[in-house]
Amino acid sequence: MKKTNVLFRYVFSLLAVFFCCRAEQAFSQKNQSQVLALQLAPGDNNPRNSEGDFITLKDGRILFVYSHYTGKSTSDHAPAYLAGRFSKDGGKTWTQEDQLIVEREGDMNVMSVSLLRLQNGKIALFYLKKNSETDCIPLMRISSDEAKTWSAPTSCITDRKGYFVLNNNRVIQLKSGRLLMAVAMHRSLDGKWQAKATLFSYFSDDNGVTWKSGEAVPNTSDIITQEPGVVELKDGRIMMFIRTDSGFQQLSYSKDQGQTWSHIEPSTIHSPVSPASMTRIPSTGDLLLVWNNNKVKEAAWHGGVRTPLTIAISRDEGKTWENLKNIETDPKGWYCYTAIHFTKKEVLLGYCAGTTQLATVNITRLNKKWLYK
């Protein structure tokens, strides 16, 4: 009887060790699929760190440029300059100190960075120069030496004056070579502030030397449109995705590379009044979407909470979305303004986070194979 009990305890111990190891292995695999690699939290004389973008340099390093706020205010109009952090190991670890990329040029700040490797091999840096609540314009700089130095800034909007919003991680280069951005004009130079922005595309066919405006995106509805982004579809059309107060991301399409646009129409993407980010996965050709996947509509802050932060893929050019996975789930959290960047095996997400205000930047690493599981 004693031998039986001893044998039973021995077998039970082996089973316990086995299942414990399997559980630890599964936990480890889950952690490896999603890892918070860098958190830029506010500190002394640094009340806020805000949205940015990534670029892979020719020596293999990754540069992340974001807005570093100074003083005491966390307002969108508070003082800020553009700072950079570097990673030598594909985004696993990052430098501990900021490198100054662009000083505070505007009377208010510089913010909302987009980085783009041009087809000619040079790097383009786009950002907003904010002088006042009636003067906010996207600028462009070029680096020919892998972000060591930058050219003088040139304005991407010269035909109008006013307050224009260009989100981070938003400028693309089409297969034709055309540079394309979508902007939201909230206020003309002498006009009143409008929550319902007029959306335009601006494009350049000479690598940013000169820019032209497309026609305004038609919107005869009462839907408030803000913070647009663009992605090139496989059939050559351009799809614009738009932050709105309709409970969905709205869409508009261009058949002529951004010169004219269709009337806005609802997508299947439930969303509060919060921006989405979308790009194409280089290795598969599918579209990747990051947004706040919730149906909560509130009269208070931005028509609903900006949580969870969700990621999904589309195999049919944005008609449907699958493999939905939540990256951040704190019910009190705010998560938005996401930059998406791919390495060989992973995708990096750089986004704003906070619970009472957007003051922290997170960089999270995701395993690309995990996106399809």
Protein backbone atom coordinates (compact mmCIF):
# COMPACT_ATOMS: atom_id res chain seq x y z
CA MET A 1 0.00 0.00 0.00
CA LYS A 2 2.84 2.34 0.89
CA LYS A 3 4.62 1.53 -2.40
CA THR A 4 1.42 2.37 -4.27
CA ASN A 5 1.15 5.72 -2.47
CA VAL A 6 4.79 6.49 -3.17
CA LEU A 7 4.36 5.58 -6.84
CA PHE A 8 1.20 7.71 -7.05
CA ARG A 9 2.96 10.69 -5.51
CA TYR A 10 5.89 10.22 -7.88
CA VAL A 11 3.66 10.11 -10.96
CA PHE A 12 1.63 13.06 -9.68
CA SER A 13 4.83 15.07 -9.19
CA LEU A 14 5.97 14.28 -12.73
CA LEU A 15 2.60 15.37 -14.12
CA ALA A 16 2.68 18.55 -12.06
CA VAL A 17 6.16 19.40 -13.32
CA PHE A 18 5.07 18.63 -16.90
CA PHE A 19 2.00 20.85 -16.83
CA CYS A 20 3.87 23.56 -14.98
CA CYS A 21 6.57 23.57 -17.65
CA ARG A 22 3.94 23.65 -20.40
CA ALA A 23 2.20 26.57 -18.68
CA GLU A 24 5.50 28.43 -18.25
CA GLN A 25 6.34 27.76 -21.88
CA ALA A 26 2.96 29.08 -23.05
CA PHE A 27 3.34 32.13 -20.81
CA SER A 28 6.82 32.72 -22.17
CA GLN A 29 5.60 32.39 -25.77
CA LYS A 30 2.81 34.89 -25.07
CA ASN A 31 5.29 37.33 -23.56
CA GLN A 32 7.63 36.91 -26.52
CA SER A 33 4.76 37.64 -28.92
CA GLN A 34 4.12 41.04 -27.30
CA VAL A 35 6.85 42.93 -25.43
CA LEU A 36 6.91 46.53 -24.18
CA ALA A 37 10.38 47.55 -25.35
CA LEU A 38 10.48 51.22 -24.36
CA GLN A 39 8.34 53.55 -22.29
CA LEU A 40 9.03 57.28 -22.45
CA ALA A 41 7.27 58.60 -19.36
CA PRO A 42 7.09 62.28 -18.37
CA GLY A 43 9.54 63.72 -15.86
CA ASP A 44 11.07 66.97 -14.59
CA ASN A 45 10.61 69.75 -17.15
CA ASN A 46 9.14 67.09 -19.40
CA PRO A 47 5.37 66.92 -18.76
CA ARG A 48 4.58 64.99 -21.93
CA ASN A 49 6.13 62.83 -24.62
CA SER A 50 4.07 62.56 -27.75
CA GLU A 51 3.56 60.63 -30.98
CA GLY A 52 6.42 59.86 -33.36
CA ASP A 53 7.64 57.58 -36.15
CA PHE A 54 10.35 55.04 -37.05
CA ILE A 55 12.95 54.68 -39.82
CA THR A 56 15.50 51.88 -40.36
CA LEU A 57 18.92 53.24 -41.23
CA LYS A 58 21.32 51.59 -43.68
CA ASP A 59 23.61 50.45 -40.86
CA GLY A 60 20.72 48.43 -39.37
CA ARG A 61 19.83 50.80 -36.53
CA ILE A 62 16.26 51.99 -36.05
CA LEU A 63 15.59 55.65 -35.29
CA PHE A 64 12.43 56.72 -33.45
CA VAL A 65 11.65 60.45 -33.50
CA TYR A 66 8.99 61.92 -31.21
CA SER A 67 7.89 65.20 -29.61
CA HIS A 68 9.57 65.96 -26.27
CA TYR A 69 7.57 68.59 -24.37
CA THR A 70 9.17 71.03 -21.92
CA GLY A 71 7.84 73.27 -19.15
CA LYS A 72 4.72 72.32 -17.20
CA SER A 73 1.84 72.18 -19.68
CA THR A 74 0.70 69.03 -21.52
CA SER A 75 -1.37 71.03 -24.01
CA ASP A 76 -1.09 70.35 -27.74
CA HIS A 77 0.13 73.96 -27.96
CA ALA A 78 2.81 73.71 -25.25
CA PRO A 79 6.56 73.98 -26.07
CA ALA A 80 8.14 70.87 -27.64
CA TYR A 81 11.08 69.83 -29.80
CA LEU A 82 11.78 66.68 -31.81
CA ALA A 83 13.97 64.10 -30.08
CA GLY A 84 15.38 60.78 -31.29
CA ARG A 85 16.16 57.39 -29.75
CA PHE A 86 18.12 54.60 -31.48
CA SER A 87 18.00 50.81 -31.39
CA LYS A 88 20.83 48.55 -32.59
CA ASP A 89 18.97 45.26 -32.10
CA GLY A 90 15.77 45.56 -34.07
CA GLY A 91 13.83 47.45 -31.42
CA LYS A 92 14.58 45.23 -28.42
CA THR A 93 16.58 47.88 -26.57
CA TRP A 94 16.90 51.63 -27.05
CA THR A 95 19.38 54.38 -26.20
CA GLN A 96 18.78 55.99 -22.83
CA GLU A 97 19.35 59.62 -23.83
CA ASP A 98 17.61 61.81 -26.38
CA GLN A 99 19.34 63.12 -29.45
CA LEU A 100 18.08 66.49 -30.65
CA ILE A 101 16.61 66.15 -34.14
CA VAL A 102 14.77 69.47 -34.63
CA GLU A 103 14.70 72.35 -32.18
CA ARG A 104 11.47 74.06 -31.20
CA GLU A 105 10.96 76.11 -34.39
CA GLY A 106 7.37 77.22 -34.04
CA ASP A 107 6.15 79.87 -31.64
CA MET A 108 4.29 76.98 -29.98
CA ASN A 109 6.01 73.70 -30.92
CA VAL A 110 6.91 71.06 -33.48
CA MET A 111 5.10 67.72 -33.39
CA SER A 112 3.44 64.83 -35.33
CA VAL A 113 6.44 63.21 -37.01
CA SER A 114 6.39 61.11 -40.18
CA LEU A 115 9.59 59.45 -41.45
CA LEU A 116 9.85 58.00 -44.95
CA ARG A 117 12.59 56.26 -46.91
CA LEU A 118 12.27 57.74 -50.39
CA GLN A 119 12.71 55.72 -53.54
CA ASN A 120 15.91 57.69 -54.25
CA GLY A 121 17.39 56.38 -50.98
CA LYS A 122 17.19 59.60 -48.99
CA ILE A 123 15.16 60.01 -45.78
CA ALA A 124 12.28 62.48 -45.53
CA LEU A 125 11.20 63.94 -42.19
CA PHE A 126 7.76 65.54 -41.96
CA TYR A 127 6.34 67.38 -38.95
CA LEU A 128 3.97 70.18 -37.96
CA LYS A 129 5.32 73.63 -37.17
CA LYS A 130 2.77 75.27 -34.88
CA ASN A 131 2.93 79.03 -34.48
CA SER A 132 -0.60 79.78 -33.26
CA GLU A 133 -4.15 78.49 -33.30
CA THR A 134 -4.49 79.93 -36.81
CA ASP A 135 -1.07 78.92 -38.15
CA CYS A 136 -0.03 75.26 -38.23
CA ILE A 137 1.66 73.88 -41.37
CA PRO A 138 3.46 70.60 -42.23
CA LEU A 139 7.13 70.96 -43.09
CA MET A 140 9.59 68.59 -44.77
CA ARG A 141 13.32 68.07 -44.30
CA ILE A 142 15.63 65.70 -46.21
CA SER A 143 18.65 63.75 -44.98
CA SER A 144 21.25 62.43 -47.42
CA ASP A 145 23.53 61.02 -44.70
CA GLU A 146 21.23 58.65 -42.77
CA ALA A 147 19.76 61.16 -40.32
CA LYS A 148 23.08 62.67 -39.27
CA THR A 149 22.10 66.06 -40.72
CA TRP A 150 18.93 67.52 -42.22
CA SER A 151 18.21 70.07 -44.90
CA ALA A 152 16.45 73.35 -44.20
CA PRO A 153 12.68 72.90 -43.85
CA THR A 154 10.33 73.47 -46.77
CA SER A 155 6.58 74.01 -46.47
CA CYS A 156 4.28 71.33 -47.88
CA ILE A 157 1.36 73.78 -48.10
CA THR A 158 1.92 77.06 -49.93
CA ASP A 159 -1.48 77.72 -51.53
CA ARG A 160 -3.41 78.23 -48.29
CA LYS A 161 -2.83 79.59 -44.81
CA GLY A 162 -4.49 78.26 -41.68
CA TYR A 163 -4.41 75.47 -39.12
CA PHE A 164 -3.70 72.10 -40.76
CA VAL A 165 -3.37 68.76 -38.97
CA LEU A 166 -1.10 66.05 -40.38
CA ASN A 167 -0.94 63.04 -38.07
CA ASN A 168 2.24 61.09 -37.37
CA ASN A 169 3.21 58.12 -39.57
CA ARG A 170 0.97 59.45 -42.36
CA VAL A 171 3.05 60.36 -45.45
CA ILE A 172 3.44 57.70 -48.16
CA GLN A 173 5.19 57.37 -51.52
CA LEU A 174 3.14 55.74 -54.26
CA LYS A 175 4.53 53.19 -56.70
CA SER A 176 4.62 55.99 -59.27
CA GLY A 177 6.98 57.96 -57.01
CA ARG A 178 4.41 60.56 -55.97
CA LEU A 179 4.58 61.68 -52.34
CA LEU A 180 1.12 61.90 -50.81
CA MET A 181 -0.26 63.18 -47.51
CA ALA A 182 -3.77 63.85 -46.22
CA VAL A 183 -4.41 66.88 -44.01
CA ALA A 184 -7.35 68.34 -42.09
CA MET A 185 -7.88 72.10 -42.25
CA HIS A 186 -9.69 73.24 -39.11
CA ARG A 187 -9.29 76.97 -39.47
CA SER A 188 -8.41 79.40 -42.21
CA LEU A 189 -6.24 82.38 -41.40
CA ASP A 190 -9.20 84.66 -40.59
CA GLY A 191 -11.87 82.05 -40.00
CA LYS A 192 -13.42 80.39 -36.98
CA TRP A 193 -12.26 77.06 -35.57
CA GLN A 194 -14.22 74.18 -37.08
CA ALA A 195 -14.34 70.73 -35.45
CA LYS A 196 -15.58 69.45 -38.82
CA ALA A 197 -12.38 69.84 -40.78
CA THR A 198 -12.08 70.18 -44.52
CA LEU A 199 -9.90 67.34 -45.78
CA PHE A 200 -7.33 67.77 -48.54
CA SER A 201 -4.55 65.71 -50.02
CA TYR A 202 -1.24 67.30 -50.95
CA PHE A 203 1.18 65.62 -53.34
CA SER A 204 4.62 66.09 -54.83
CA ASP A 205 6.06 64.58 -58.01
CA ASP A 206 9.59 65.94 -57.48
CA ASN A 207 10.52 64.38 -54.12
CA GLY A 208 9.09 67.23 -52.09
CA VAL A 209 10.56 70.24 -53.89
CA THR A 210 7.08 71.47 -54.83
CA TRP A 211 3.62 70.44 -53.61
CA LYS A 212 0.13 70.68 -55.09
CA SER A 213 -3.30 70.33 -53.52
CA GLY A 214 -5.97 67.84 -54.45
CA GLU A 215 -9.63 68.79 -54.33
CA ALA A 216 -11.43 68.79 -50.99
CA VAL A 217 -12.94 65.47 -49.92
CA PRO A 218 -16.74 65.71 -50.44
CA ASN A 219 -18.81 65.58 -47.27
CA THR A 220 -22.39 66.84 -47.49
CA SER A 221 -23.35 65.11 -44.22
CA ASP A 222 -23.19 66.40 -40.65
CA ILE A 223 -20.43 63.91 -39.83
CA ILE A 224 -17.37 65.53 -38.26
CA THR A 225 -14.23 64.53 -40.19
CA GLN A 226 -10.70 64.79 -38.77
CA GLU A 227 -7.16 63.32 -38.90
CA PRO A 228 -7.15 61.46 -42.24
CA GLY A 229 -4.60 58.92 -43.44
CA VAL A 230 -3.97 57.25 -46.80
CA VAL A 231 -2.90 53.85 -48.12
CA GLU A 232 -2.33 52.71 -51.71
CA LEU A 233 -4.46 49.74 -52.79
CA LYS A 234 -3.35 46.97 -55.13
CA ASP A 235 -5.69 48.16 -57.90
CA GLY A 236 -4.00 51.58 -57.91
CA ARG A 237 -6.68 53.47 -56.00
CA ILE A 238 -5.88 55.41 -52.85
CA MET A 239 -8.01 54.76 -49.78
CA MET A 240 -8.34 57.54 -47.22
CA PHE A 241 -9.38 56.51 -43.70
CA ILE A 242 -10.85 59.24 -41.52
CA ARG A 243 -11.46 59.86 -37.82
CA THR A 244 -15.13 60.86 -37.33
CA ASP A 245 -17.92 61.17 -34.78
CA SER A 246 -20.14 58.66 -36.63
CA GLY A 247 -19.08 55.63 -34.57
CA PHE A 248 -17.05 54.32 -37.52
CA GLN A 249 -13.93 55.24 -39.41
CA GLN A 250 -15.12 56.81 -42.66
CA LEU A 251 -13.51 56.16 -46.04
CA SER A 252 -12.92 58.07 -49.28
CA TYR A 253 -11.28 56.82 -52.48
CA SER A 254 -9.19 58.41 -55.22
CA LYS A 255 -8.70 56.95 -58.70
CA ASP A 256 -6.21 59.62 -59.78
CA GLN A 257 -3.49 59.39 -57.12
CA GLY A 258 -5.01 61.91 -54.76
CA GLN A 259 -6.23 64.68 -57.05
CA THR A 260 -9.96 63.99 -56.57
CA TRP A 261 -11.88 61.99 -53.98
CA SER A 262 -15.21 60.21 -53.58
CA HIS A 263 -17.78 61.27 -51.00
CA ILE A 264 -17.07 59.87 -47.54
CA GLU A 265 -18.67 56.51 -46.72
CA PRO A 266 -18.74 54.35 -43.58
CA SER A 267 -16.32 51.47 -43.13
CA THR A 268 -16.89 48.39 -41.00
CA ILE A 269 -14.38 49.71 -38.44
CA HIS A 270 -16.15 50.68 -35.22
CA SER A 271 -14.35 53.60 -33.62
CA PRO A 272 -14.74 56.48 -31.19
CA VAL A 273 -13.53 59.94 -32.26
CA SER A 274 -9.99 58.63 -32.40
CA PRO A 275 -7.48 58.12 -35.24
CA ALA A 276 -6.67 54.78 -36.83
CA SER A 277 -3.35 53.74 -38.37
CA MET A 278 -3.11 51.53 -41.44
CA THR A 279 -0.30 50.22 -43.63
CA ARG A 280 0.67 47.25 -45.77
CA ILE A 281 2.62 44.29 -44.36
CA PRO A 282 5.67 43.99 -46.66
CA SER A 283 6.09 40.21 -46.32
CA THR A 284 2.46 39.25 -47.09
CA GLY A 285 0.90 42.20 -48.88
CA ASP A 286 -2.02 42.26 -46.43
CA LEU A 287 -3.19 45.45 -44.73
CA LEU A 288 -2.56 46.02 -41.03
CA LEU A 289 -4.88 48.18 -38.92
CA VAL A 290 -4.38 49.59 -35.40
CA TRP A 291 -7.25 51.44 -33.72
CA ASN A 292 -9.57 51.65 -30.71
CA ASN A 293 -12.06 48.85 -31.28
CA ASN A 294 -15.07 49.88 -29.25
CA LYS A 295 -18.68 50.86 -29.89
CA VAL A 296 -19.00 53.08 -26.83
CA LYS A 297 -20.48 56.47 -27.69
CA GLU A 298 -20.45 59.12 -25.00
CA ALA A 299 -21.24 62.79 -24.96
CA ALA A 300 -18.06 63.30 -22.97
CA TRP A 301 -14.46 63.14 -24.12
CA HIS A 302 -14.08 62.42 -27.84
CA GLY A 303 -17.30 60.43 -28.21
CA GLY A 304 -16.02 57.35 -26.39
CA VAL A 305 -13.02 55.82 -24.68
CA ARG A 306 -9.77 55.27 -26.56
CA THR A 307 -9.36 51.70 -25.39
CA PRO A 308 -8.68 48.91 -26.14
CA LEU A 309 -5.84 49.34 -28.61
CA THR A 310 -6.54 46.65 -31.19
CA ILE A 311 -4.66 45.25 -34.17
CA ALA A 312 -6.12 43.35 -37.15
CA ILE A 313 -5.25 42.26 -40.69
CA SER A 314 -7.19 42.39 -43.95
CA ARG A 315 -6.62 40.02 -46.86
CA ASP A 316 -9.19 41.78 -49.10
CA GLU A 317 -7.90 45.37 -49.23
CA GLY A 318 -9.80 46.62 -46.20
CA LYS A 319 -13.26 45.21 -46.93
CA THR A 320 -13.11 42.89 -43.90
CA TRP A 321 -10.79 42.54 -40.91
CA GLU A 322 -9.70 39.38 -39.08
CA ASN A 323 -7.34 38.10 -36.38
CA LEU A 324 -8.33 40.90 -34.02
CA LYS A 325 -5.97 41.12 -31.03
CA ASN A 326 -5.97 43.64 -28.20
CA ILE A 327 -2.58 45.20 -27.47
CA GLU A 328 -3.71 47.41 -24.57
CA THR A 329 -6.85 46.73 -22.51
CA ASP A 330 -6.86 49.02 -19.47
CA PRO A 331 -10.50 50.25 -19.32
CA LYS A 332 -9.25 53.60 -18.00
CA GLY A 333 -6.43 53.90 -20.52
CA TRP A 334 -6.09 56.09 -23.57
CA TYR A 335 -4.09 54.64 -26.48
CA CYS A 336 -3.77 56.30 -29.88
CA TYR A 337 -1.59 57.96 -32.54
CA THR A 338 0.19 54.77 -33.50
CA ALA A 339 3.25 54.50 -35.73
CA ILE A 340 3.75 51.09 -37.41
CA HIS A 341 7.18 49.82 -38.45
CA PHE A 342 8.34 46.39 -39.65
CA THR A 343 11.54 44.47 -38.99
CA LYS A 344 12.33 41.00 -40.39
CA LYS A 345 10.32 39.09 -37.79
CA GLU A 346 8.46 41.74 -35.85
CA VAL A 347 6.29 44.82 -36.08
CA LEU A 348 6.98 47.80 -33.84
CA LEU A 349 4.14 49.97 -32.57
CA GLY A 350 4.92 53.42 -31.17
CA TYR A 351 1.89 55.06 -29.59
CA CYS A 352 0.67 57.58 -27.02
CA ALA A 353 -0.65 56.24 -23.71
CA GLY A 354 -2.06 57.54 -20.45
CA THR A 355 -4.92 57.32 -17.99
CA THR A 356 -5.74 60.97 -17.26
CA GLN A 357 -3.85 62.49 -20.18
CA LEU A 358 -1.72 61.44 -23.15
CA ALA A 359 1.73 61.96 -21.68
CA THR A 360 3.67 58.71 -22.29
CA VAL A 361 5.02 57.06 -25.43
CA ASN A 362 5.14 53.25 -25.57
CA ILE A 363 7.07 51.16 -28.08
CA THR A 364 5.74 47.59 -28.23
CA ARG A 365 7.22 44.70 -30.21
CA LEU A 366 4.89 42.13 -31.79
CA ASN A 367 5.81 38.85 -33.48
CA LYS A 368 4.57 38.96 -37.09
CA LYS A 369 3.65 35.27 -37.13
CA TRP A 370 1.52 35.88 -34.03
CA LEU A 371 -0.59 38.33 -36.02
CA TYR A 372 -1.81 35.47 -38.19
CA LYS A 373 -2.48 32.97 -35.36
